[in-house]
Amino acid sequence: MKYNYQLFADNAGGLHLAVLDSNDRCVYYLTDLDQEFVRATLADLKAGGDPIEDCWEGGEDDPEECYRAIQRLVEARNGGAEEVDE
């Protein structure tokens, strides 16, 4: 797989997928309450899909900022979000 990823769940039922390049910079960030949509996107990534080259839709305009924001929620340890295994 060309990219690494991290998957997060928030306390509102949303799932967040951060796709990271080899320098751990977030290049694609998807969040949705439709968890199956996010999981299907992750399956596409694992199957060799490329969010940049394939021009995936649905991603956030500023993926790096979204990634930093979810990391802050996780680090706060107040139940706002947590990293999940897939």
PDB file of N, CA and C in Angstrom:
ATOM      1  N   MET A   1       0.845  -1.175   0.000  1.00  0.00           N
ATOM      2  CA  MET A   1       0.000   0.000   0.000  1.00  0.00           C
ATOM      3  C   MET A   1       0.890   1.236   0.000  1.00  0.00           C
ATOM      4  N   LYS A   2       0.566   2.169  -0.853  1.00  0.00           N
ATOM      5  CA  LYS A   2       1.356   3.382  -1.038  1.00  0.00           C
ATOM      6  C   LYS A   2       1.241   4.332   0.150  1.00  0.00           C
ATOM      7  N   TYR A   3       0.111   4.299   0.843  1.00  0.00           N
ATOM      8  CA  TYR A   3      -0.163   5.220   1.937  1.00  0.00           C
ATOM      9  C   TYR A   3      -0.370   4.461   3.249  1.00  0.00           C
ATOM     10  N   ASN A   4      -0.169   5.171   4.334  1.00  0.00           N
ATOM     11  CA  ASN A   4      -0.573   4.696   5.645  1.00  0.00           C
ATOM     12  C   ASN A   4      -1.901   5.365   5.965  1.00  0.00           C
ATOM     13  N   TYR A   5      -2.548   4.919   7.005  1.00  0.00           N
ATOM     14  CA  TYR A   5      -3.808   5.535   7.380  1.00  0.00           C
ATOM     15  C   TYR A   5      -4.016   5.412   8.881  1.00  0.00           C
ATOM     16  N   GLN A   6      -4.896   6.250   9.393  1.00  0.00           N
ATOM     17  CA  GLN A   6      -5.383   6.134  10.759  1.00  0.00           C
ATOM     18  C   GLN A   6      -6.893   6.292  10.697  1.00  0.00           C
ATOM     19  N   LEU A   7      -7.569   5.525  11.525  1.00  0.00           N
ATOM     20  CA  LEU A   7      -9.019   5.539  11.573  1.00  0.00           C
ATOM     21  C   LEU A   7      -9.442   5.963  12.975  1.00  0.00           C
ATOM     22  N   PHE A   8     -10.394   6.885  13.047  1.00  0.00           N
ATOM     23  CA  PHE A   8     -10.853   7.418  14.318  1.00  0.00           C
ATOM     24  C   PHE A   8     -12.378   7.356  14.381  1.00  0.00           C
ATOM     25  N   ALA A   9     -12.905   7.237  15.593  1.00  0.00           N
ATOM     26  CA  ALA A   9     -14.344   7.330  15.831  1.00  0.00           C
ATOM     27  C   ALA A   9     -14.574   8.488  16.787  1.00  0.00           C
ATOM     28  N   ASP A  10     -15.608   9.281  16.507  1.00  0.00           N
ATOM     29  CA  ASP A  10     -15.924  10.371  17.428  1.00  0.00           C
ATOM     30  C   ASP A  10     -17.161  10.013  18.251  1.00  0.00           C
ATOM     31  N   ASN A  11     -17.446  10.811  19.256  1.00  0.00           N
ATOM     32  CA  ASN A  11     -18.539  10.483  20.168  1.00  0.00           C
ATOM     33  C   ASN A  11     -19.913  10.792  19.579  1.00  0.00           C
ATOM     34  N   ALA A  12     -19.970  11.283  18.358  1.00  0.00           N
ATOM     35  CA  ALA A  12     -21.241  11.529  17.687  1.00  0.00           C
ATOM     36  C   ALA A  12     -21.583  10.403  16.712  1.00  0.00           C
ATOM     37  N   GLY A  13     -20.742   9.377  16.663  1.00  0.00           N
ATOM     38  CA  GLY A  13     -20.983   8.251  15.769  1.00  0.00           C
ATOM     39  C   GLY A  13     -20.299   8.370  14.428  1.00  0.00           C
ATOM     40  N   GLY A  14     -19.512   9.419  14.248  1.00  0.00           N
ATOM     41  CA  GLY A  14     -18.808   9.595  12.985  1.00  0.00           C
ATOM     42  C   GLY A  14     -17.530   8.791  12.929  1.00  0.00           C
ATOM     43  N   LEU A  15     -17.148   8.433  11.726  1.00  0.00           N
ATOM     44  CA  LEU A  15     -15.895   7.732  11.485  1.00  0.00           C
ATOM     45  C   LEU A  15     -15.015   8.642  10.636  1.00  0.00           C
ATOM     46  N   HIS A  16     -13.735   8.674  10.961  1.00  0.00           N
ATOM     47  CA  HIS A  16     -12.786   9.574  10.307  1.00  0.00           C
ATOM     48  C   HIS A  16     -11.637   8.745   9.751  1.00  0.00           C
ATOM     49  N   LEU A  17     -11.317   8.946   8.482  1.00  0.00           N
ATOM     50  CA  LEU A  17     -10.206   8.261   7.837  1.00  0.00           C
ATOM     51  C   LEU A  17      -9.169   9.292   7.412  1.00  0.00           C
ATOM     52  N   ALA A  18      -7.982   9.178   7.969  1.00  0.00           N
ATOM     53  CA  ALA A  18      -6.862  10.050   7.601  1.00  0.00           C
ATOM     54  C   ALA A  18      -5.878   9.221   6.787  1.00  0.00           C
ATOM     55  N   VAL A  19      -5.620   9.636   5.562  1.00  0.00           N
ATOM     56  CA  VAL A  19      -4.674   8.952   4.684  1.00  0.00           C
ATOM     57  C   VAL A  19      -3.381   9.759   4.700  1.00  0.00           C
ATOM     58  N   LEU A  20      -2.295   9.079   5.056  1.00  0.00           N
ATOM     59  CA  LEU A  20      -1.016   9.745   5.274  1.00  0.00           C
ATOM     60  C   LEU A  20       0.011   9.316   4.237  1.00  0.00           C
ATOM     61  N   ASP A  21       0.821  10.279   3.791  1.00  0.00           N
ATOM     62  CA  ASP A  21       1.894   9.942   2.861  1.00  0.00           C
ATOM     63  C   ASP A  21       3.105   9.417   3.632  1.00  0.00           C
ATOM     64  N   SER A  22       4.188   9.177   2.947  1.00  0.00           N
ATOM     65  CA  SER A  22       5.376   8.589   3.578  1.00  0.00           C
ATOM     66  C   SER A  22       6.031   9.514   4.598  1.00  0.00           C
ATOM     67  N   ASN A  23       5.673  10.789   4.578  1.00  0.00           N
ATOM     68  CA  ASN A  23       6.188  11.755   5.559  1.00  0.00           C
ATOM     69  C   ASN A  23       5.184  12.011   6.679  1.00  0.00           C
ATOM     70  N   ASP A  24       4.156  11.159   6.783  1.00  0.00           N
ATOM     71  CA  ASP A  24       3.084  11.283   7.772  1.00  0.00           C
ATOM     72  C   ASP A  24       2.301  12.584   7.642  1.00  0.00           C
ATOM     73  N   ARG A  25       2.240  13.107   6.424  1.00  0.00           N
ATOM     74  CA  ARG A  25       1.417  14.285   6.137  1.00  0.00           C
ATOM     75  C   ARG A  25       0.076  13.781   5.625  1.00  0.00           C
ATOM     76  N   CYS A  26      -1.000  14.327   6.171  1.00  0.00           N
ATOM     77  CA  CYS A  26      -2.334  13.895   5.762  1.00  0.00           C
ATOM     78  C   CYS A  26      -2.666  14.482   4.392  1.00  0.00           C
ATOM     79  N   VAL A  27      -2.891  13.588   3.433  1.00  0.00           N
ATOM     80  CA  VAL A  27      -3.162  14.022   2.057  1.00  0.00           C
ATOM     81  C   VAL A  27      -4.629  13.848   1.678  1.00  0.00           C
ATOM     82  N   TYR A  28      -5.370  13.094   2.480  1.00  0.00           N
ATOM     83  CA  TYR A  28      -6.799  12.888   2.236  1.00  0.00           C
ATOM     84  C   TYR A  28      -7.443  12.603   3.573  1.00  0.00           C
ATOM     85  N   TYR A  29      -8.583  13.249   3.824  1.00  0.00           N
ATOM     86  CA  TYR A  29      -9.283  13.081   5.094  1.00  0.00           C
ATOM     87  C   TYR A  29     -10.771  12.991   4.803  1.00  0.00           C
ATOM     88  N   LEU A  30     -11.375  11.911   5.254  1.00  0.00           N
ATOM     89  CA  LEU A  30     -12.797  11.679   5.041  1.00  0.00           C
ATOM     90  C   LEU A  30     -13.462  11.462   6.385  1.00  0.00           C
ATOM     91  N   THR A  31     -14.555  12.146   6.626  1.00  0.00           N
ATOM     92  CA  THR A  31     -15.347  11.916   7.823  1.00  0.00           C
ATOM     93  C   THR A  31     -16.812  11.845   7.432  1.00  0.00           C
ATOM     94  N   ASP A  32     -17.536  10.895   8.032  1.00  0.00           N
ATOM     95  CA  ASP A  32     -18.948  10.744   7.708  1.00  0.00           C
ATOM     96  C   ASP A  32     -19.631   9.955   8.811  1.00  0.00           C
ATOM     97  N   LEU A  33     -20.914  10.223   9.002  1.00  0.00           N
ATOM     98  CA  LEU A  33     -21.708   9.426   9.941  1.00  0.00           C
ATOM     99  C   LEU A  33     -22.059   8.070   9.347  1.00  0.00           C
ATOM    100  N   ASP A  34     -21.987   7.956   8.032  1.00  0.00           N
ATOM    101  CA  ASP A  34     -22.213   6.685   7.350  1.00  0.00           C
ATOM    102  C   ASP A  34     -20.914   5.873   7.436  1.00  0.00           C
ATOM    103  N   GLN A  35     -20.810   5.091   8.494  1.00  0.00           N
ATOM    104  CA  GLN A  35     -19.571   4.359   8.737  1.00  0.00           C
ATOM    105  C   GLN A  35     -19.250   3.362   7.634  1.00  0.00           C
ATOM    106  N   GLU A  36     -20.264   2.799   7.009  1.00  0.00           N
ATOM    107  CA  GLU A  36     -20.016   1.849   5.921  1.00  0.00           C
ATOM    108  C   GLU A  36     -19.358   2.546   4.729  1.00  0.00           C
ATOM    109  N   PHE A  37     -19.719   3.789   4.481  1.00  0.00           N
ATOM    110  CA  PHE A  37     -19.091   4.567   3.409  1.00  0.00           C
ATOM    111  C   PHE A  37     -17.602   4.761   3.691  1.00  0.00           C
ATOM    112  N   VAL A  38     -17.286   5.109   4.927  1.00  0.00           N
ATOM    113  CA  VAL A  38     -15.884   5.319   5.300  1.00  0.00           C
ATOM    114  C   VAL A  38     -15.122   3.993   5.239  1.00  0.00           C
ATOM    115  N   ARG A  39     -15.741   2.923   5.718  1.00  0.00           N
ATOM    116  CA  ARG A  39     -15.079   1.612   5.664  1.00  0.00           C
ATOM    117  C   ARG A  39     -14.880   1.141   4.216  1.00  0.00           C
ATOM    118  N   ALA A  40     -15.817   1.438   3.341  1.00  0.00           N
ATOM    119  CA  ALA A  40     -15.666   1.081   1.923  1.00  0.00           C
ATOM    120  C   ALA A  40     -14.519   1.876   1.294  1.00  0.00           C
ATOM    121  N   THR A  41     -14.383   3.136   1.708  1.00  0.00           N
ATOM    122  CA  THR A  41     -13.277   3.953   1.216  1.00  0.00           C
ATOM    123  C   THR A  41     -11.943   3.380   1.688  1.00  0.00           C
ATOM    124  N   LEU A  42     -11.906   2.939   2.943  1.00  0.00           N
ATOM    125  CA  LEU A  42     -10.699   2.304   3.466  1.00  0.00           C
ATOM    126  C   LEU A  42     -10.398   1.015   2.701  1.00  0.00           C
ATOM    127  N   ALA A  43     -11.411   0.244   2.394  1.00  0.00           N
ATOM    128  CA  ALA A  43     -11.205  -0.981   1.612  1.00  0.00           C
ATOM    129  C   ALA A  43     -10.623  -0.659   0.243  1.00  0.00           C
ATOM    130  N   ASP A  44     -11.099   0.428  -0.369  1.00  0.00           N
ATOM    131  CA  ASP A  44     -10.540   0.852  -1.664  1.00  0.00           C
ATOM    132  C   ASP A  44      -9.065   1.206  -1.528  1.00  0.00           C
ATOM    133  N   LEU A  45      -8.719   1.883  -0.435  1.00  0.00           N
ATOM    134  CA  LEU A  45      -7.319   2.246  -0.190  1.00  0.00           C
ATOM    135  C   LEU A  45      -6.470   0.989  -0.038  1.00  0.00           C
ATOM    136  N   LYS A  46      -6.953   0.046   0.748  1.00  0.00           N
ATOM    137  CA  LYS A  46      -6.215  -1.200   0.976  1.00  0.00           C
ATOM    138  C   LYS A  46      -6.069  -2.017  -0.302  1.00  0.00           C
ATOM    139  N   ALA A  47      -7.017  -1.858  -1.220  1.00  0.00           N
ATOM    140  CA  ALA A  47      -6.972  -2.583  -2.494  1.00  0.00           C
ATOM    141  C   ALA A  47      -6.071  -1.902  -3.514  1.00  0.00           C
ATOM    142  N   GLY A  48      -5.435  -0.801  -3.105  1.00  0.00           N
ATOM    143  CA  GLY A  48      -4.496  -0.142  -4.004  1.00  0.00           C
ATOM    144  C   GLY A  48      -4.997   1.161  -4.589  1.00  0.00           C
ATOM    145  N   GLY A  49      -6.187   1.592  -4.174  1.00  0.00           N
ATOM    146  CA  GLY A  49      -6.702   2.866  -4.657  1.00  0.00           C
ATOM    147  C   GLY A  49      -5.839   4.021  -4.176  1.00  0.00           C
ATOM    148  N   ASP A  50      -5.860   5.095  -4.932  1.00  0.00           N
ATOM    149  CA  ASP A  50      -5.055   6.264  -4.610  1.00  0.00           C
ATOM    150  C   ASP A  50      -5.965   7.485  -4.576  1.00  0.00           C
ATOM    151  N   PRO A  51      -6.150   8.082  -3.401  1.00  0.00           N
ATOM    152  CA  PRO A  51      -7.081   9.213  -3.314  1.00  0.00           C
ATOM    153  C   PRO A  51      -6.653  10.427  -4.126  1.00  0.00           C
ATOM    154  N   ILE A  52      -5.375  10.573  -4.380  1.00  0.00           N
ATOM    155  CA  ILE A  52      -4.883  11.718  -5.143  1.00  0.00           C
ATOM    156  C   ILE A  52      -4.973  11.437  -6.642  1.00  0.00           C
ATOM    157  N   GLU A  53      -4.348  10.369  -7.078  1.00  0.00           N
ATOM    158  CA  GLU A  53      -4.338  10.038  -8.505  1.00  0.00           C
ATOM    159  C   GLU A  53      -5.729   9.707  -9.024  1.00  0.00           C
ATOM    160  N   ASP A  54      -6.556   9.081  -8.181  1.00  0.00           N
ATOM    161  CA  ASP A  54      -7.903   8.686  -8.597  1.00  0.00           C
ATOM    162  C   ASP A  54      -8.935   9.787  -8.352  1.00  0.00           C
ATOM    163  N   CYS A  55      -8.504  10.913  -7.798  1.00  0.00           N
ATOM    164  CA  CYS A  55      -9.378  12.068  -7.542  1.00  0.00           C
ATOM    165  C   CYS A  55     -10.631  11.685  -6.756  1.00  0.00           C
ATOM    166  N   TRP A  56     -10.412  11.023  -5.625  1.00  0.00           N
ATOM    167  CA  TRP A  56     -11.539  10.633  -4.788  1.00  0.00           C
ATOM    168  C   TRP A  56     -12.313  11.860  -4.339  1.00  0.00           C
ATOM    169  N   GLU A  57     -13.613  11.758  -4.358  1.00  0.00           N
ATOM    170  CA  GLU A  57     -14.470  12.836  -3.893  1.00  0.00           C
ATOM    171  C   GLU A  57     -14.816  12.609  -2.426  1.00  0.00           C
ATOM    172  N   GLY A  58     -15.392  13.622  -1.808  1.00  0.00           N
ATOM    173  CA  GLY A  58     -15.859  13.490  -0.439  1.00  0.00           C
ATOM    174  C   GLY A  58     -14.855  13.872   0.621  1.00  0.00           C
ATOM    175  N   GLY A  59     -13.608  14.067   0.233  1.00  0.00           N
ATOM    176  CA  GLY A  59     -12.581  14.420   1.199  1.00  0.00           C
ATOM    177  C   GLY A  59     -12.688  15.881   1.618  1.00  0.00           C
ATOM    178  N   GLU A  60     -12.125  16.191   2.752  1.00  0.00           N
ATOM    179  CA  GLU A  60     -12.132  17.553   3.279  1.00  0.00           C
ATOM    180  C   GLU A  60     -11.162  18.447   2.503  1.00  0.00           C
ATOM    181  N   ASP A  61     -11.460  19.740   2.479  1.00  0.00           N
ATOM    182  CA  ASP A  61     -10.628  20.693   1.735  1.00  0.00           C
ATOM    183  C   ASP A  61      -9.234  20.859   2.329  1.00  0.00           C
ATOM    184  N   ASP A  62      -9.133  20.775   3.666  1.00  0.00           N
ATOM    185  CA  ASP A  62      -7.841  20.933   4.343  1.00  0.00           C
ATOM    186  C   ASP A  62      -7.584  19.675   5.187  1.00  0.00           C
ATOM    187  N   PRO A  63      -7.144  18.592   4.544  1.00  0.00           N
ATOM    188  CA  PRO A  63      -6.993  17.330   5.263  1.00  0.00           C
ATOM    189  C   PRO A  63      -6.015  17.404   6.431  1.00  0.00           C
ATOM    190  N   GLU A  64      -4.952  18.151   6.291  1.00  0.00           N
ATOM    191  CA  GLU A  64      -3.953  18.229   7.362  1.00  0.00           C
ATOM    192  C   GLU A  64      -4.551  18.883   8.612  1.00  0.00           C
ATOM    193  N   GLU A  65      -5.326  19.929   8.445  1.00  0.00           N
ATOM    194  CA  GLU A  65      -5.955  20.589   9.595  1.00  0.00           C
ATOM    195  C   GLU A  65      -6.984  19.673  10.255  1.00  0.00           C
ATOM    196  N   CYS A  66      -7.754  18.947   9.464  1.00  0.00           N
ATOM    197  CA  CYS A  66      -8.725  17.998  10.021  1.00  0.00           C
ATOM    198  C   CYS A  66      -8.014  16.911  10.820  1.00  0.00           C
ATOM    199  N   TYR A  67      -6.898  16.451  10.298  1.00  0.00           N
ATOM    200  CA  TYR A  67      -6.114  15.429  10.987  1.00  0.00           C
ATOM    201  C   TYR A  67      -5.593  15.954  12.320  1.00  0.00           C
ATOM    202  N   ARG A  68      -5.082  17.170  12.322  1.00  0.00           N
ATOM    203  CA  ARG A  68      -4.590  17.760  13.574  1.00  0.00           C
ATOM    204  C   ARG A  68      -5.738  17.936  14.576  1.00  0.00           C
ATOM    205  N   ALA A  69      -6.905  18.309  14.082  1.00  0.00           N
ATOM    206  CA  ALA A  69      -8.056  18.518  14.958  1.00  0.00           C
ATOM    207  C   ALA A  69      -8.493  17.214  15.622  1.00  0.00           C
ATOM    208  N   ILE A  70      -8.560  16.128  14.868  1.00  0.00           N
ATOM    209  CA  ILE A  70      -8.978  14.854  15.469  1.00  0.00           C
ATOM    210  C   ILE A  70      -7.904  14.351  16.425  1.00  0.00           C
ATOM    211  N   GLN A  71      -6.647  14.595  16.115  1.00  0.00           N
ATOM    212  CA  GLN A  71      -5.573  14.206  17.031  1.00  0.00           C
ATOM    213  C   GLN A  71      -5.700  14.952  18.358  1.00  0.00           C
ATOM    214  N   ARG A  72      -6.052  16.241  18.297  1.00  0.00           N
ATOM    215  CA  ARG A  72      -6.239  17.008  19.536  1.00  0.00           C
ATOM    216  C   ARG A  72      -7.372  16.430  20.363  1.00  0.00           C
ATOM    217  N   LEU A  73      -8.455  16.020  19.710  1.00  0.00           N
ATOM    218  CA  LEU A  73      -9.571  15.409  20.441  1.00  0.00           C
ATOM    219  C   LEU A  73      -9.146  14.109  21.115  1.00  0.00           C
ATOM    220  N   VAL A  74      -8.389  13.298  20.408  1.00  0.00           N
ATOM    221  CA  VAL A  74      -7.916  12.035  20.974  1.00  0.00           C
ATOM    222  C   VAL A  74      -6.982  12.307  22.159  1.00  0.00           C
ATOM    223  N   GLU A  75      -6.057  13.233  21.969  1.00  0.00           N
ATOM    224  CA  GLU A  75      -5.083  13.543  23.015  1.00  0.00           C
ATOM    225  C   GLU A  75      -5.728  14.152  24.261  1.00  0.00           C
ATOM    226  N   ALA A  76      -6.880  14.800  24.112  1.00  0.00           N
ATOM    227  CA  ALA A  76      -7.570  15.393  25.253  1.00  0.00           C
ATOM    228  C   ALA A  76      -8.107  14.317  26.206  1.00  0.00           C
ATOM    229  N   ARG A  77      -8.312  13.117  25.692  1.00  0.00           N
ATOM    230  CA  ARG A  77      -8.780  11.977  26.492  1.00  0.00           C
ATOM    231  C   ARG A  77     -10.050  12.286  27.291  1.00  0.00           C
ATOM    232  N   ASN A  78     -10.947  13.018  26.662  1.00  0.00           N
ATOM    233  CA  ASN A  78     -12.205  13.333  27.324  1.00  0.00           C
ATOM    234  C   ASN A  78     -13.397  12.644  26.667  1.00  0.00           C
ATOM    235  N   GLY A  79     -13.117  11.680  25.823  1.00  0.00           N
ATOM    236  CA  GLY A  79     -14.178  10.929  25.177  1.00  0.00           C
ATOM    237  C   GLY A  79     -14.666  11.524  23.853  1.00  0.00           C
ATOM    238  N   GLY A  80     -14.013  12.603  23.397  1.00  0.00           N
ATOM    239  CA  GLY A  80     -14.440  13.233  22.152  1.00  0.00           C
ATOM    240  C   GLY A  80     -14.161  12.386  20.926  1.00  0.00           C
ATOM    241  N   ALA A  81     -13.070  11.629  20.963  1.00  0.00           N
ATOM    242  CA  ALA A  81     -12.695  10.780  19.833  1.00  0.00           C
ATOM    243  C   ALA A  81     -11.623   9.792  20.295  1.00  0.00           C
ATOM    244  N   GLU A  82     -11.527   8.703  19.540  1.00  0.00           N
ATOM    245  CA  GLU A  82     -10.490   7.710  19.822  1.00  0.00           C
ATOM    246  C   GLU A  82     -10.052   7.067  18.518  1.00  0.00           C
ATOM    247  N   GLU A  83      -8.802   6.604  18.509  1.00  0.00           N
ATOM    248  CA  GLU A  83      -8.318   5.877  17.350  1.00  0.00           C
ATOM    249  C   GLU A  83      -8.854   4.456  17.440  1.00  0.00           C
ATOM    250  N   VAL A  84      -9.264   3.921  16.299  1.00  0.00           N
ATOM    251  CA  VAL A  84      -9.803   2.563  16.255  1.00  0.00           C
ATOM    252  C   VAL A  84      -8.986   1.728  15.294  1.00  0.00           C
ATOM    253  N   ASP A  85      -8.950   0.450  15.542  1.00  0.00           N
ATOM    254  CA  ASP A  85      -8.262  -0.493  14.654  1.00  0.00           C
ATOM    255  C   ASP A  85      -9.201  -0.969  13.575  1.00  0.00           C
ATOM    256  N   GLU A  86      -8.676  -1.206  12.433  1.00  0.00           N
ATOM    257  CA  GLU A  86      -9.481  -1.731  11.326  1.00  0.00           C
ATOM    258  C   GLU A  86      -8.813  -2.944  10.772  1.00  0.00           C
TER     259      GLU A  86
END
